[in-house]
C-alpha atoms as a PDB file:
ATOM      1  CA  MET A   1     -76.132   5.594  69.091  1.00  0.00           C
ATOM      2  CA  TRP A   2     -78.350   7.241  71.829  1.00  0.00           C
ATOM      3  CA  GLN A   3     -79.404   5.041  74.643  1.00  0.00           C
ATOM      4  CA  ASN A   4     -81.930   5.925  77.359  1.00  0.00           C
ATOM      5  CA  VAL A   5     -80.147   5.304  80.811  1.00  0.00           C
ATOM      6  CA  ALA A   6     -83.465   5.198  82.651  1.00  0.00           C
ATOM      7  CA  TYR A   7     -84.426   1.981  80.861  1.00  0.00           C
ATOM      8  CA  GLU A   8     -81.312  -0.107  81.621  1.00  0.00           C
ATOM      9  CA  PRO A   9     -82.114  -3.139  83.838  1.00  0.00           C
ATOM     10  CA  SER A  10     -80.052  -1.971  86.759  1.00  0.00           C
ATOM     11  CA  ASN A  11     -81.851   1.433  86.798  1.00  0.00           C
ATOM     12  CA  LEU A  12     -85.166  -0.271  86.477  1.00  0.00           C
ATOM     13  CA  ALA A  13     -84.574  -2.505  89.463  1.00  0.00           C
ATOM     14  CA  ARG A  14     -83.693   0.677  91.524  1.00  0.00           C
ATOM     15  CA  VAL A  15     -86.759   2.426  90.461  1.00  0.00           C
ATOM     16  CA  ASN A  16     -89.046  -0.452  91.209  1.00  0.00           C
ATOM     17  CA  GLN A  17     -87.329  -0.811  94.739  1.00  0.00           C
ATOM     18  CA  HIS A  18     -87.894   2.971  95.381  1.00  0.00           C
ATOM     19  CA  ALA A  19     -91.661   2.596  94.377  1.00  0.00           C
ATOM     20  CA  ARG A  20     -92.074  -0.385  96.753  1.00  0.00           C
ATOM     21  CA  ASP A  21     -90.505   1.571  99.727  1.00  0.00           C
ATOM     22  CA  PRO A  22     -92.343   4.789 100.093  1.00  0.00           C
ATOM     23  CA  SER A  23     -90.632   7.575 101.853  1.00  0.00           C
ATOM     24  CA  LEU A  24     -91.930   9.304 105.120  1.00  0.00           C
ATOM     25  CA  ALA A  25     -92.969  12.338 103.112  1.00  0.00           C
ATOM     26  CA  ARG A  26     -94.879  10.304 100.539  1.00  0.00           C
ATOM     27  CA  THR A  27     -96.656   8.413 103.300  1.00  0.00           C
ATOM     28  CA  LEU A  28     -97.581  11.726 105.156  1.00  0.00           C
ATOM     29  CA  ALA A  29     -98.792  13.250 101.882  1.00  0.00           C
ATOM     30  CA  ARG A  30    -100.912  10.309 101.216  1.00  0.00           C
ATOM     31  CA  GLY A  31    -102.440  10.379 104.735  1.00  0.00           C
ATOM     32  CA  LEU A  32    -103.032  14.128 104.516  1.00  0.00           C
ATOM     33  CA  GLY A  33    -104.815  13.560 101.161  1.00  0.00           C
ATOM     34  CA  ASN A  34    -106.887  10.884 102.584  1.00  0.00           C
ATOM     35  CA  ALA A  35    -107.838  12.987 105.559  1.00  0.00           C
ATOM     36  CA  ALA A  36    -108.706  15.896 103.314  1.00  0.00           C
ATOM     37  CA  ARG A  37    -110.894  13.694 101.103  1.00  0.00           C
ATOM     38  CA  TRP A  38    -112.731  12.300 104.061  1.00  0.00           C
ATOM     39  CA  ALA A  39    -113.385  15.765 105.550  1.00  0.00           C
ATOM     40  CA  GLY A  40    -114.647  16.923 102.157  1.00  0.00           C
ATOM     41  CA  ARG A  41    -116.928  14.117 101.785  1.00  0.00           C
ATOM     42  CA  LEU A  42    -118.317  14.589 105.323  1.00  0.00           C
ATOM     43  CA  ALA A  43    -118.829  18.386 104.628  1.00  0.00           C
ATOM     44  CA  ARG A  44    -120.555  17.523 101.330  1.00  0.00           C
ATOM     45  CA  GLY A  45    -122.935  15.114 102.948  1.00  0.00           C
ATOM     46  CA  GLN A  46    -123.883  17.631 105.675  1.00  0.00           C
ATOM     47  CA  VAL A  47    -124.559  20.247 102.987  1.00  0.00           C
ATOM     48  CA  VAL A  48    -126.697  17.956 100.986  1.00  0.00           C
ATOM     49  CA  LYS A  49    -128.645  16.867 103.993  1.00  0.00           C
ATOM     50  CA  ARG A  50    -129.264  20.474 105.132  1.00  0.00           C
ATOM     51  CA  VAL A  51    -130.468  21.873 101.873  1.00  0.00           C
ATOM     52  CA  GLY A  52    -132.839  18.985 101.093  1.00  0.00           C
ATOM     53  CA  GLY A  53    -131.102  16.700  98.796  1.00  0.00           C
ATOM     54  CA  PRO A  54    -128.615  16.459  95.994  1.00  0.00           C
ATOM     55  CA  ALA A  55    -130.721  18.294  93.342  1.00  0.00           C
ATOM     56  CA  ARG A  56    -131.270  21.261  95.691  1.00  0.00           C
ATOM     57  CA  ALA A  57    -127.493  21.188  96.597  1.00  0.00           C
ATOM     58  CA  ARG A  58    -126.664  21.414  92.906  1.00  0.00           C
ATOM     59  CA  VAL A  59    -128.849  24.368  92.561  1.00  0.00           C
ATOM     60  CA  VAL A  60    -127.426  26.111  95.567  1.00  0.00           C
ATOM     61  CA  VAL A  61    -123.814  25.557  94.313  1.00  0.00           C
ATOM     62  CA  LEU A  62    -124.899  26.880  90.828  1.00  0.00           C
ATOM     63  CA  PHE A  63    -126.342  30.054  92.317  1.00  0.00           C
ATOM     64  CA  GLY A  64    -123.284  30.598  94.359  1.00  0.00           C
ATOM     65  CA  ALA A  65    -121.185  30.187  91.300  1.00  0.00           C
ATOM     66  CA  VAL A  66    -123.160  32.688  89.423  1.00  0.00           C
ATOM     67  CA  LEU A  67    -123.031  35.266  92.244  1.00  0.00           C
ATOM     68  CA  ALA A  68    -119.254  34.728  92.585  1.00  0.00           C
ATOM     69  CA  LEU A  69    -118.789  35.483  88.843  1.00  0.00           C
ATOM     70  CA  ASN A  70    -121.090  38.483  89.104  1.00  0.00           C
ATOM     71  CA  GLY A  71    -119.122  39.860  91.981  1.00  0.00           C
ATOM     72  CA  ALA A  72    -115.767  39.284  90.048  1.00  0.00           C
ATOM     73  CA  ASP A  73    -117.312  41.070  87.038  1.00  0.00           C
ATOM     74  CA  MET A  74    -118.345  44.028  89.072  1.00  0.00           C
ATOM     75  CA  ALA A  75    -115.008  44.304  90.620  1.00  0.00           C
ATOM     76  CA  THR A  76    -113.353  44.331  87.311  1.00  0.00           C
ATOM     77  CA  ILE A  77    -115.633  46.930  85.990  1.00  0.00           C
ATOM     78  CA  GLY A  78    -115.298  49.082  89.085  1.00  0.00           C
ATOM     79  CA  ARG A  79    -111.535  48.869  88.817  1.00  0.00           C
ATOM     80  CA  SER A  80    -111.436  49.687  85.120  1.00  0.00           C
ATOM     81  CA  ARG A  81    -113.941  52.599  85.872  1.00  0.00           C
ATOM     82  CA  LEU A  82    -111.528  54.185  88.121  1.00  0.00           C
ATOM     83  CA  SER A  83    -108.726  53.875  85.742  1.00  0.00           C
ATOM     84  CA  TRP A  84    -110.912  55.552  82.916  1.00  0.00           C
ATOM     85  CA  ARG A  85    -111.937  58.320  85.483  1.00  0.00           C
ATOM     86  CA  ALA A  86    -108.393  59.115  86.269  1.00  0.00           C
ATOM     87  CA  ARG A  87    -107.562  59.419  82.592  1.00  0.00           C
ATOM     88  CA  CYS A  88    -110.580  61.662  81.847  1.00  0.00           C
ATOM     89  CA  THR A  89    -109.846  64.093  84.566  1.00  0.00           C
ATOM     90  CA  SER A  90    -106.366  64.716  83.599  1.00  0.00           C
ATOM     91  CA  ALA A  91    -105.380  68.159  82.191  1.00  0.00           C
ATOM     92  CA  THR A  92    -105.021  66.869  78.647  1.00  0.00           C
ATOM     93  CA  PRO A  93    -108.429  65.677  76.990  1.00  0.00           C
ATOM     94  CA  ARG A  94    -108.443  62.386  75.270  1.00  0.00           C
ATOM     95  CA  SER A  95    -110.895  60.739  73.028  1.00  0.00           C
ATOM     96  CA  GLY A  96    -113.244  58.138  74.459  1.00  0.00           C
ATOM     97  CA  CYS A  97    -113.833  59.742  77.811  1.00  0.00           C
END
């Protein structure tokens, strides 16, 4: 019969001990995450204060997202237009040019 080795009592004790003793990498990663979270909250607070409140900040972010999507669409259209132009100016005519 199949047995899951991870759930044996001796392995569970080892896993629990490992969870209680965080490694240096885990501690550093948690500290870096906390610092990034703090910096993000500070920056968000400054942006909200400068634009005039949370409602205006949401509108500014929304407009920024719309402009970013518009730019991405235009870049995609421009790239595909170059591809179509290269196909249509070749020596052999194709349909759809």
